[in-house]
Amino acid sequence: GHGLIQLRKEGADEILNYEVSGDKIQ
């Protein structure tokens, strides 16, 4: 599949975005 994983440090505003898919295992 094709997905987006997002992380944000508690108390912060910056969002880390990681677009991932089964075509490239990460």
mmCIF file of all heavy atoms, coordinates in Angstrom:
data_MODEL
# 
_entry.id   MODEL 
# 
loop_
_atom_site.group_PDB 
_atom_site.id 
_atom_site.type_symbol 
_atom_site.label_atom_id 
_atom_site.label_alt_id 
_atom_site.label_comp_id 
_atom_site.label_asym_id 
_atom_site.label_entity_id 
_atom_site.label_seq_id 
_atom_site.pdbx_PDB_ins_code 
_atom_site.Cartn_x 
_atom_site.Cartn_y 
_atom_site.Cartn_z 
_atom_site.occupancy 
_atom_site.B_iso_or_equiv 
_atom_site.pdbx_formal_charge 
_atom_site.auth_seq_id 
_atom_site.auth_comp_id 
_atom_site.auth_asym_id 
_atom_site.auth_atom_id 
_atom_site.pdbx_PDB_model_num 
ATOM 1   N N   . GLY A 1 1  ? 0.816  -1.212 0.000  1.00 0.00 ? 1  GLY A N   1 
ATOM 2   C CA  . GLY A 1 1  ? 0.000  0.000  0.000  1.00 0.00 ? 1  GLY A CA  1 
ATOM 3   C C   . GLY A 1 1  ? 0.847  1.260  0.000  1.00 0.00 ? 1  GLY A C   1 
ATOM 4   O O   . GLY A 1 1  ? 2.071  1.222  -0.167 1.00 0.00 ? 1  GLY A O   1 
ATOM 5   N N   . HIS A 1 2  ? 0.180  2.398  0.197  1.00 0.00 ? 2  HIS A N   1 
ATOM 6   C CA  . HIS A 1 2  ? 0.801  3.720  0.118  1.00 0.00 ? 2  HIS A CA  1 
ATOM 7   C C   . HIS A 1 2  ? 0.300  4.526  1.304  1.00 0.00 ? 2  HIS A C   1 
ATOM 8   O O   . HIS A 1 2  ? -0.912 4.715  1.474  1.00 0.00 ? 2  HIS A O   1 
ATOM 9   C CB  . HIS A 1 2  ? 0.417  4.391  -1.206 1.00 0.00 ? 2  HIS A CB  1 
ATOM 10  C CG  . HIS A 1 2  ? 0.995  5.764  -1.393 1.00 0.00 ? 2  HIS A CG  1 
ATOM 11  N ND1 . HIS A 1 2  ? 0.392  6.717  -2.190 1.00 0.00 ? 2  HIS A ND1 1 
ATOM 12  C CD2 . HIS A 1 2  ? 2.112  6.350  -0.887 1.00 0.00 ? 2  HIS A CD2 1 
ATOM 13  C CE1 . HIS A 1 2  ? 1.108  7.815  -2.175 1.00 0.00 ? 2  HIS A CE1 1 
ATOM 14  N NE2 . HIS A 1 2  ? 2.165  7.614  -1.394 1.00 0.00 ? 2  HIS A NE2 1 
ATOM 15  N N   . GLY A 1 3  ? 1.240  4.973  2.153  1.00 0.00 ? 3  GLY A N   1 
ATOM 16  C CA  . GLY A 1 3  ? 0.805  5.645  3.366  1.00 0.00 ? 3  GLY A CA  1 
ATOM 17  C C   . GLY A 1 3  ? 1.672  6.818  3.747  1.00 0.00 ? 3  GLY A C   1 
ATOM 18  O O   . GLY A 1 3  ? 2.732  7.075  3.161  1.00 0.00 ? 3  GLY A O   1 
ATOM 19  N N   . LEU A 1 4  ? 1.195  7.549  4.749  1.00 0.00 ? 4  LEU A N   1 
ATOM 20  C CA  . LEU A 1 4  ? 1.919  8.679  5.326  1.00 0.00 ? 4  LEU A CA  1 
ATOM 21  C C   . LEU A 1 4  ? 2.002  8.466  6.834  1.00 0.00 ? 4  LEU A C   1 
ATOM 22  O O   . LEU A 1 4  ? 0.987  8.255  7.491  1.00 0.00 ? 4  LEU A O   1 
ATOM 23  C CB  . LEU A 1 4  ? 1.203  9.998  5.018  1.00 0.00 ? 4  LEU A CB  1 
ATOM 24  C CG  . LEU A 1 4  ? 1.824  11.257 5.639  1.00 0.00 ? 4  LEU A CG  1 
ATOM 25  C CD1 . LEU A 1 4  ? 3.200  11.539 5.025  1.00 0.00 ? 4  LEU A CD1 1 
ATOM 26  C CD2 . LEU A 1 4  ? 0.896  12.468 5.469  1.00 0.00 ? 4  LEU A CD2 1 
ATOM 27  N N   . ILE A 1 5  ? 3.233  8.521  7.356  1.00 0.00 ? 5  ILE A N   1 
ATOM 28  C CA  . ILE A 1 5  ? 3.452  8.431  8.800  1.00 0.00 ? 5  ILE A CA  1 
ATOM 29  C C   . ILE A 1 5  ? 3.890  9.802  9.284  1.00 0.00 ? 5  ILE A C   1 
ATOM 30  O O   . ILE A 1 5  ? 4.814  10.409 8.726  1.00 0.00 ? 5  ILE A O   1 
ATOM 31  C CB  . ILE A 1 5  ? 4.524  7.366  9.133  1.00 0.00 ? 5  ILE A CB  1 
ATOM 32  C CG1 . ILE A 1 5  ? 4.042  5.980  8.705  1.00 0.00 ? 5  ILE A CG1 1 
ATOM 33  C CG2 . ILE A 1 5  ? 4.845  7.378  10.631 1.00 0.00 ? 5  ILE A CG2 1 
ATOM 34  C CD1 . ILE A 1 5  ? 5.102  4.899  8.807  1.00 0.00 ? 5  ILE A CD1 1 
ATOM 35  N N   . GLN A 1 6  ? 3.202  10.302 10.317 1.00 0.00 ? 6  GLN A N   1 
ATOM 36  C CA  . GLN A 1 6  ? 3.491  11.634 10.838 1.00 0.00 ? 6  GLN A CA  1 
ATOM 37  C C   . GLN A 1 6  ? 3.886  11.552 12.316 1.00 0.00 ? 6  GLN A C   1 
ATOM 38  O O   . GLN A 1 6  ? 3.308  10.769 13.078 1.00 0.00 ? 6  GLN A O   1 
ATOM 39  C CB  . GLN A 1 6  ? 2.270  12.540 10.708 1.00 0.00 ? 6  GLN A CB  1 
ATOM 40  C CG  . GLN A 1 6  ? 1.820  12.788 9.272  1.00 0.00 ? 6  GLN A CG  1 
ATOM 41  C CD  . GLN A 1 6  ? 0.623  13.721 9.204  1.00 0.00 ? 6  GLN A CD  1 
ATOM 42  O OE1 . GLN A 1 6  ? -0.411 13.462 9.830  1.00 0.00 ? 6  GLN A OE1 1 
ATOM 43  N NE2 . GLN A 1 6  ? 0.751  14.814 8.454  1.00 0.00 ? 6  GLN A NE2 1 
ATOM 44  N N   . LEU A 1 7  ? 4.882  12.349 12.708 1.00 0.00 ? 7  LEU A N   1 
ATOM 45  C CA  . LEU A 1 7  ? 5.299  12.451 14.100 1.00 0.00 ? 7  LEU A CA  1 
ATOM 46  C C   . LEU A 1 7  ? 5.395  13.918 14.499 1.00 0.00 ? 7  LEU A C   1 
ATOM 47  O O   . LEU A 1 7  ? 5.783  14.776 13.687 1.00 0.00 ? 7  LEU A O   1 
ATOM 48  C CB  . LEU A 1 7  ? 6.663  11.784 14.337 1.00 0.00 ? 7  LEU A CB  1 
ATOM 49  C CG  . LEU A 1 7  ? 6.774  10.271 14.202 1.00 0.00 ? 7  LEU A CG  1 
ATOM 50  C CD1 . LEU A 1 7  ? 7.046  9.879  12.756 1.00 0.00 ? 7  LEU A CD1 1 
ATOM 51  C CD2 . LEU A 1 7  ? 7.892  9.747  15.101 1.00 0.00 ? 7  LEU A CD2 1 
ATOM 52  N N   . ARG A 1 8  ? 5.062  14.203 15.740 1.00 0.00 ? 8  ARG A N   1 
ATOM 53  C CA  . ARG A 1 8  ? 5.226  15.568 16.289 1.00 0.00 ? 8  ARG A CA  1 
ATOM 54  C C   . ARG A 1 8  ? 5.652  15.449 17.746 1.00 0.00 ? 8  ARG A C   1 
ATOM 55  O O   . ARG A 1 8  ? 5.020  14.742 18.537 1.00 0.00 ? 8  ARG A O   1 
ATOM 56  C CB  . ARG A 1 8  ? 3.930  16.359 16.186 1.00 0.00 ? 8  ARG A CB  1 
ATOM 57  C CG  . ARG A 1 8  ? 4.028  17.764 16.800 1.00 0.00 ? 8  ARG A CG  1 
ATOM 58  C CD  . ARG A 1 8  ? 2.741  18.550 16.651 1.00 0.00 ? 8  ARG A CD  1 
ATOM 59  N NE  . ARG A 1 8  ? 1.604  17.869 17.261 1.00 0.00 ? 8  ARG A NE  1 
ATOM 60  C CZ  . ARG A 1 8  ? 1.341  17.850 18.580 1.00 0.00 ? 8  ARG A CZ  1 
ATOM 61  N NH1 . ARG A 1 8  ? 2.145  18.471 19.438 1.00 0.00 ? 8  ARG A NH1 1 
ATOM 62  N NH2 . ARG A 1 8  ? 0.280  17.211 19.038 1.00 0.00 ? 8  ARG A NH2 1 
ATOM 63  N N   . LYS A 1 9  ? 6.746  16.124 18.083 1.00 0.00 ? 9  LYS A N   1 
ATOM 64  C CA  . LYS A 1 9  ? 7.217  16.114 19.456 1.00 0.00 ? 9  LYS A CA  1 
ATOM 65  C C   . LYS A 1 9  ? 6.209  16.823 20.346 1.00 0.00 ? 9  LYS A C   1 
ATOM 66  O O   . LYS A 1 9  ? 5.682  17.895 19.995 1.00 0.00 ? 9  LYS A O   1 
ATOM 67  C CB  . LYS A 1 9  ? 8.580  16.811 19.545 1.00 0.00 ? 9  LYS A CB  1 
ATOM 68  C CG  . LYS A 1 9  ? 9.252  16.721 20.900 1.00 0.00 ? 9  LYS A CG  1 
ATOM 69  C CD  . LYS A 1 9  ? 10.641 17.346 20.833 1.00 0.00 ? 9  LYS A CD  1 
ATOM 70  C CE  . LYS A 1 9  ? 11.364 17.207 22.165 1.00 0.00 ? 9  LYS A CE  1 
ATOM 71  N NZ  . LYS A 1 9  ? 12.738 17.786 22.089 1.00 0.00 ? 9  LYS A NZ  1 
ATOM 72  N N   . GLU A 1 10 ? 5.901  16.198 21.489 1.00 0.00 ? 10 GLU A N   1 
ATOM 73  C CA  . GLU A 1 10 ? 4.948  16.804 22.414 1.00 0.00 ? 10 GLU A CA  1 
ATOM 74  C C   . GLU A 1 10 ? 5.423  18.196 22.831 1.00 0.00 ? 10 GLU A C   1 
ATOM 75  O O   . GLU A 1 10 ? 6.582  18.391 23.211 1.00 0.00 ? 10 GLU A O   1 
ATOM 76  C CB  . GLU A 1 10 ? 4.767  15.923 23.658 1.00 0.00 ? 10 GLU A CB  1 
ATOM 77  C CG  . GLU A 1 10 ? 3.903  14.712 23.430 1.00 0.00 ? 10 GLU A CG  1 
ATOM 78  C CD  . GLU A 1 10 ? 2.473  15.100 23.063 1.00 0.00 ? 10 GLU A CD  1 
ATOM 79  O OE1 . GLU A 1 10 ? 1.802  15.749 23.883 1.00 0.00 ? 10 GLU A OE1 1 
ATOM 80  O OE2 . GLU A 1 10 ? 2.035  14.754 21.947 1.00 0.00 ? 10 GLU A OE2 1 
ATOM 81  N N   . GLY A 1 11 ? 4.522  19.161 22.729 1.00 0.00 ? 11 GLY A N   1 
ATOM 82  C CA  . GLY A 1 11 ? 4.837  20.542 23.077 1.00 0.00 ? 11 GLY A CA  1 
ATOM 83  C C   . GLY A 1 11 ? 5.415  21.342 21.943 1.00 0.00 ? 11 GLY A C   1 
ATOM 84  O O   . GLY A 1 11 ? 5.699  22.533 22.104 1.00 0.00 ? 11 GLY A O   1 
ATOM 85  N N   . ALA A 1 12 ? 5.626  20.688 20.779 1.00 0.00 ? 12 ALA A N   1 
ATOM 86  C CA  . ALA A 1 12 ? 6.190  21.379 19.623 1.00 0.00 ? 12 ALA A CA  1 
ATOM 87  C C   . ALA A 1 12 ? 5.164  21.427 18.500 1.00 0.00 ? 12 ALA A C   1 
ATOM 88  O O   . ALA A 1 12 ? 4.126  20.765 18.532 1.00 0.00 ? 12 ALA A O   1 
ATOM 89  C CB  . ALA A 1 12 ? 7.461  20.697 19.162 1.00 0.00 ? 12 ALA A CB  1 
ATOM 90  N N   . ASP A 1 13 ? 5.465  22.229 17.465 1.00 0.00 ? 13 ASP A N   1 
ATOM 91  C CA  . ASP A 1 13 ? 4.549  22.387 16.337 1.00 0.00 ? 13 ASP A CA  1 
ATOM 92  C C   . ASP A 1 13 ? 5.032  21.676 15.072 1.00 0.00 ? 13 ASP A C   1 
ATOM 93  O O   . ASP A 1 13 ? 4.226  21.349 14.200 1.00 0.00 ? 13 ASP A O   1 
ATOM 94  C CB  . ASP A 1 13 ? 4.356  23.887 16.019 1.00 0.00 ? 13 ASP A CB  1 
ATOM 95  C CG  . ASP A 1 13 ? 3.667  24.629 17.153 1.00 0.00 ? 13 ASP A CG  1 
ATOM 96  O OD1 . ASP A 1 13 ? 2.782  24.025 17.802 1.00 0.00 ? 13 ASP A OD1 1 
ATOM 97  O OD2 . ASP A 1 13 ? 4.034  25.796 17.393 1.00 0.00 ? 13 ASP A OD2 1 
ATOM 98  N N   . GLU A 1 14 ? 6.331  21.451 14.963 1.00 0.00 ? 14 GLU A N   1 
ATOM 99  C CA  . GLU A 1 14 ? 6.871  20.863 13.740 1.00 0.00 ? 14 GLU A CA  1 
ATOM 100 C C   . GLU A 1 14 ? 6.361  19.430 13.569 1.00 0.00 ? 14 GLU A C   1 
ATOM 101 O O   . GLU A 1 14 ? 6.393  18.619 14.496 1.00 0.00 ? 14 GLU A O   1 
ATOM 102 C CB  . GLU A 1 14 ? 8.398  20.857 13.758 1.00 0.00 ? 14 GLU A CB  1 
ATOM 103 C CG  . GLU A 1 14 ? 9.014  20.264 12.493 1.00 0.00 ? 14 GLU A CG  1 
ATOM 104 C CD  . GLU A 1 14 ? 10.521 20.135 12.574 1.00 0.00 ? 14 GLU A CD  1 
ATOM 105 O OE1 . GLU A 1 14 ? 11.084 20.320 13.680 1.00 0.00 ? 14 GLU A OE1 1 
ATOM 106 O OE2 . GLU A 1 14 ? 11.139 19.818 11.525 1.00 0.00 ? 14 GLU A OE2 1 
ATOM 107 N N   . ILE A 1 15 ? 5.899  19.123 12.359 1.00 0.00 ? 15 ILE A N   1 
ATOM 108 C CA  . ILE A 1 15 ? 5.428  17.776 12.023 1.00 0.00 ? 15 ILE A CA  1 
ATOM 109 C C   . ILE A 1 15 ? 6.421  17.115 11.078 1.00 0.00 ? 15 ILE A C   1 
ATOM 110 O O   . ILE A 1 15 ? 6.815  17.693 10.064 1.00 0.00 ? 15 ILE A O   1 
ATOM 111 C CB  . ILE A 1 15 ? 4.026  17.828 11.380 1.00 0.00 ? 15 ILE A CB  1 
ATOM 112 C CG1 . ILE A 1 15 ? 3.008  18.386 12.380 1.00 0.00 ? 15 ILE A CG1 1 
ATOM 113 C CG2 . ILE A 1 15 ? 3.605  16.441 10.903 1.00 0.00 ? 15 ILE A CG2 1 
ATOM 114 C CD1 . ILE A 1 15 ? 1.629  18.594 11.804 1.00 0.00 ? 15 ILE A CD1 1 
ATOM 115 N N   . LEU A 1 16 ? 6.830  15.900 11.441 1.00 0.00 ? 16 LEU A N   1 
ATOM 116 C CA  . LEU A 1 16 ? 7.716  15.115 10.588 1.00 0.00 ? 16 LEU A CA  1 
ATOM 117 C C   . LEU A 1 16 ? 6.863  14.213 9.711  1.00 0.00 ? 16 LEU A C   1 
ATOM 118 O O   . LEU A 1 16 ? 6.053  13.428 10.223 1.00 0.00 ? 16 LEU A O   1 
ATOM 119 C CB  . LEU A 1 16 ? 8.665  14.271 11.436 1.00 0.00 ? 16 LEU A CB  1 
ATOM 120 C CG  . LEU A 1 16 ? 9.423  14.992 12.564 1.00 0.00 ? 16 LEU A CG  1 
ATOM 121 C CD1 . LEU A 1 16 ? 10.323 14.006 13.314 1.00 0.00 ? 16 LEU A CD1 1 
ATOM 122 C CD2 . LEU A 1 16 ? 10.239 16.159 12.010 1.00 0.00 ? 16 LEU A CD2 1 
ATOM 123 N N   . ASN A 1 17 ? 7.022  14.335 8.401  1.00 0.00 ? 17 ASN A N   1 
ATOM 124 C CA  . ASN A 1 17 ? 6.211  13.562 7.457  1.00 0.00 ? 17 ASN A CA  1 
ATOM 125 C C   . ASN A 1 17 ? 7.080  12.541 6.716  1.00 0.00 ? 17 ASN A C   1 
ATOM 126 O O   . ASN A 1 17 ? 8.122  12.902 6.157  1.00 0.00 ? 17 ASN A O   1 
ATOM 127 C CB  . ASN A 1 17 ? 5.558  14.502 6.428  1.00 0.00 ? 17 ASN A CB  1 
ATOM 128 C CG  . ASN A 1 17 ? 4.526  15.410 7.069  1.00 0.00 ? 17 ASN A CG  1 
ATOM 129 O OD1 . ASN A 1 17 ? 3.491  14.955 7.543  1.00 0.00 ? 17 ASN A OD1 1 
ATOM 130 N ND2 . ASN A 1 17 ? 4.817  16.715 7.082  1.00 0.00 ? 17 ASN A ND2 1 
ATOM 131 N N   . TYR A 1 18 ? 6.624  11.291 6.712  1.00 0.00 ? 18 TYR A N   1 
ATOM 132 C CA  . TYR A 1 18 ? 7.339  10.222 6.016  1.00 0.00 ? 18 TYR A CA  1 
ATOM 133 C C   . TYR A 1 18 ? 6.346  9.489  5.113  1.00 0.00 ? 18 TYR A C   1 
ATOM 134 O O   . TYR A 1 18 ? 5.464  8.763  5.595  1.00 0.00 ? 18 TYR A O   1 
ATOM 135 C CB  . TYR A 1 18 ? 7.958  9.236  7.001  1.00 0.00 ? 18 TYR A CB  1 
ATOM 136 C CG  . TYR A 1 18 ? 8.935  9.879  7.958  1.00 0.00 ? 18 TYR A CG  1 
ATOM 137 C CD1 . TYR A 1 18 ? 8.535  10.274 9.235  1.00 0.00 ? 18 TYR A CD1 1 
ATOM 138 C CD2 . TYR A 1 18 ? 10.259 10.092 7.587  1.00 0.00 ? 18 TYR A CD2 1 
ATOM 139 C CE1 . TYR A 1 18 ? 9.418  10.864 10.117 1.00 0.00 ? 18 TYR A CE1 1 
ATOM 140 C CE2 . TYR A 1 18 ? 11.162 10.678 8.459  1.00 0.00 ? 18 TYR A CE2 1 
ATOM 141 C CZ  . TYR A 1 18 ? 10.742 11.066 9.724  1.00 0.00 ? 18 TYR A CZ  1 
ATOM 142 O OH  . TYR A 1 18 ? 11.628 11.657 10.598 1.00 0.00 ? 18 TYR A OH  1 
ATOM 143 N N   . GLU A 1 19 ? 6.474  9.703  3.806  1.00 0.00 ? 19 GLU A N   1 
ATOM 144 C CA  . GLU A 1 19 ? 5.614  9.011  2.855  1.00 0.00 ? 19 GLU A CA  1 
ATOM 145 C C   . GLU A 1 19 ? 6.264  7.666  2.509  1.00 0.00 ? 19 GLU A C   1 
ATOM 146 O O   . GLU A 1 19 ? 7.424  7.620  2.102  1.00 0.00 ? 19 GLU A O   1 
ATOM 147 C CB  . GLU A 1 19 ? 5.416  9.855  1.600  1.00 0.00 ? 19 GLU A CB  1 
ATOM 148 C CG  . GLU A 1 19 ? 4.306  9.326  0.694  1.00 0.00 ? 19 GLU A CG  1 
ATOM 149 C CD  . GLU A 1 19 ? 3.921  10.320 -0.404 1.00 0.00 ? 19 GLU A CD  1 
ATOM 150 O OE1 . GLU A 1 19 ? 4.275  11.519 -0.275 1.00 0.00 ? 19 GLU A OE1 1 
ATOM 151 O OE2 . GLU A 1 19 ? 3.288  9.885  -1.382 1.00 0.00 ? 19 GLU A OE2 1 
ATOM 152 N N   . VAL A 1 20 ? 5.516  6.590  2.682  1.00 0.00 ? 20 VAL A N   1 
ATOM 153 C CA  . VAL A 1 20 ? 6.079  5.244  2.546  1.00 0.00 ? 20 VAL A CA  1 
ATOM 154 C C   . VAL A 1 20 ? 5.160  4.373  1.696  1.00 0.00 ? 20 VAL A C   1 
ATOM 155 O O   . VAL A 1 20 ? 3.969  4.668  1.547  1.00 0.00 ? 20 VAL A O   1 
ATOM 156 C CB  . VAL A 1 20 ? 6.286  4.580  3.932  1.00 0.00 ? 20 VAL A CB  1 
ATOM 157 C CG1 . VAL A 1 20 ? 7.424  5.240  4.691  1.00 0.00 ? 20 VAL A CG1 1 
ATOM 158 C CG2 . VAL A 1 20 ? 5.007  4.629  4.759  1.00 0.00 ? 20 VAL A CG2 1 
ATOM 159 N N   . SER A 1 21 ? 5.739  3.309  1.153  1.00 0.00 ? 21 SER A N   1 
ATOM 160 C CA  . SER A 1 21 ? 4.921  2.389  0.371  1.00 0.00 ? 21 SER A CA  1 
ATOM 161 C C   . SER A 1 21 ? 5.578  1.012  0.358  1.00 0.00 ? 21 SER A C   1 
ATOM 162 O O   . SER A 1 21 ? 6.767  0.863  0.675  1.00 0.00 ? 21 SER A O   1 
ATOM 163 C CB  . SER A 1 21 ? 4.739  2.888  -1.067 1.00 0.00 ? 21 SER A CB  1 
ATOM 164 O OG  . SER A 1 21 ? 5.868  2.599  -1.856 1.00 0.00 ? 21 SER A OG  1 
ATOM 165 N N   . GLY A 1 22 ? 4.794  0.024  -0.048 1.00 0.00 ? 22 GLY A N   1 
ATOM 166 C CA  . GLY A 1 22 ? 5.314  -1.330 -0.165 1.00 0.00 ? 22 GLY A CA  1 
ATOM 167 C C   . GLY A 1 22 ? 6.283  -1.509 -1.314 1.00 0.00 ? 22 GLY A C   1 
ATOM 168 O O   . GLY A 1 22 ? 6.948  -2.547 -1.411 1.00 0.00 ? 22 GLY A O   1 
ATOM 169 N N   . ASP A 1 23 ? 6.384  -0.506 -2.198 1.00 0.00 ? 23 ASP A N   1 
ATOM 170 C CA  . ASP A 1 23 ? 7.324  -0.584 -3.318 1.00 0.00 ? 23 ASP A CA  1 
ATOM 171 C C   . ASP A 1 23 ? 8.768  -0.367 -2.869 1.00 0.00 ? 23 ASP A C   1 
ATOM 172 O O   . ASP A 1 23 ? 9.701  -0.751 -3.573 1.00 0.00 ? 23 ASP A O   1 
ATOM 173 C CB  . ASP A 1 23 ? 6.960  0.460  -4.377 1.00 0.00 ? 23 ASP A CB  1 
ATOM 174 C CG  . ASP A 1 23 ? 5.618  0.170  -5.027 1.00 0.00 ? 23 ASP A CG  1 
ATOM 175 O OD1 . ASP A 1 23 ? 5.237  -1.016 -5.080 1.00 0.00 ? 23 ASP A OD1 1 
ATOM 176 O OD2 . ASP A 1 23 ? 4.952  1.127  -5.465 1.00 0.00 ? 23 ASP A OD2 1 
ATOM 177 N N   . LYS A 1 24 ? 8.950  0.274  -1.712 1.00 0.00 ? 24 LYS A N   1 
ATOM 178 C CA  . LYS A 1 24 ? 10.272 0.487  -1.139 1.00 0.00 ? 24 LYS A CA  1 
ATOM 179 C C   . LYS A 1 24 ? 10.159 0.280  0.364  1.00 0.00 ? 24 LYS A C   1 
ATOM 180 O O   . LYS A 1 24 ? 9.631  1.137  1.070  1.00 0.00 ? 24 LYS A O   1 
ATOM 181 C CB  . LYS A 1 24 ? 10.800 1.887  -1.461 1.00 0.00 ? 24 LYS A CB  1 
ATOM 182 C CG  . LYS A 1 24 ? 12.208 2.130  -0.918 1.00 0.00 ? 24 LYS A CG  1 
ATOM 183 C CD  . LYS A 1 24 ? 12.686 3.549  -1.243 1.00 0.00 ? 24 LYS A CD  1 
ATOM 184 C CE  . LYS A 1 24 ? 14.093 3.761  -0.701 1.00 0.00 ? 24 LYS A CE  1 
ATOM 185 N NZ  . LYS A 1 24 ? 14.569 5.149  -0.973 1.00 0.00 ? 24 LYS A NZ  1 
ATOM 186 N N   . ILE A 1 25 ? 10.630 -0.873 0.844  1.00 0.00 ? 25 ILE A N   1 
ATOM 187 C CA  . ILE A 1 25 ? 10.453 -1.210 2.248  1.00 0.00 ? 25 ILE A CA  1 
ATOM 188 C C   . ILE A 1 25 ? 11.376 -0.349 3.109  1.00 0.00 ? 25 ILE A C   1 
ATOM 189 O O   . ILE A 1 25 ? 12.602 -0.366 2.951  1.00 0.00 ? 25 ILE A O   1 
ATOM 190 C CB  . ILE A 1 25 ? 10.744 -2.707 2.508  1.00 0.00 ? 25 ILE A CB  1 
ATOM 191 C CG1 . ILE A 1 25 ? 9.870  -3.578 1.606  1.00 0.00 ? 25 ILE A CG1 1 
ATOM 192 C CG2 . ILE A 1 25 ? 10.512 -3.046 3.975  1.00 0.00 ? 25 ILE A CG2 1 
ATOM 193 C CD1 . ILE A 1 25 ? 8.395  -3.447 1.833  1.00 0.00 ? 25 ILE A CD1 1 
ATOM 194 N N   . GLN A 1 26 ? 10.763 0.421  4.011  1.00 0.00 ? 26 GLN A N   1 
ATOM 195 C CA  . GLN A 1 26 ? 11.502 1.279  4.931  1.00 0.00 ? 26 GLN A CA  1 
ATOM 196 C C   . GLN A 1 26 ? 10.915 1.130  6.332  1.00 0.00 ? 26 GLN A C   1 
ATOM 197 O O   . GLN A 1 26 ? 9.769  0.721  6.502  1.00 0.00 ? 26 GLN A O   1 
ATOM 198 C CB  . GLN A 1 26 ? 11.411 2.745  4.505  1.00 0.00 ? 26 GLN A CB  1 
ATOM 199 C CG  . GLN A 1 26 ? 12.052 3.053  3.166  1.00 0.00 ? 26 GLN A CG  1 
ATOM 200 C CD  . GLN A 1 26 ? 11.818 4.502  2.765  1.00 0.00 ? 26 GLN A CD  1 
ATOM 201 O OE1 . GLN A 1 26 ? 10.692 4.907  2.488  1.00 0.00 ? 26 GLN A OE1 1 
ATOM 202 N NE2 . GLN A 1 26 ? 12.892 5.281  2.733  1.00 0.00 ? 26 GLN A NE2 1 
# 
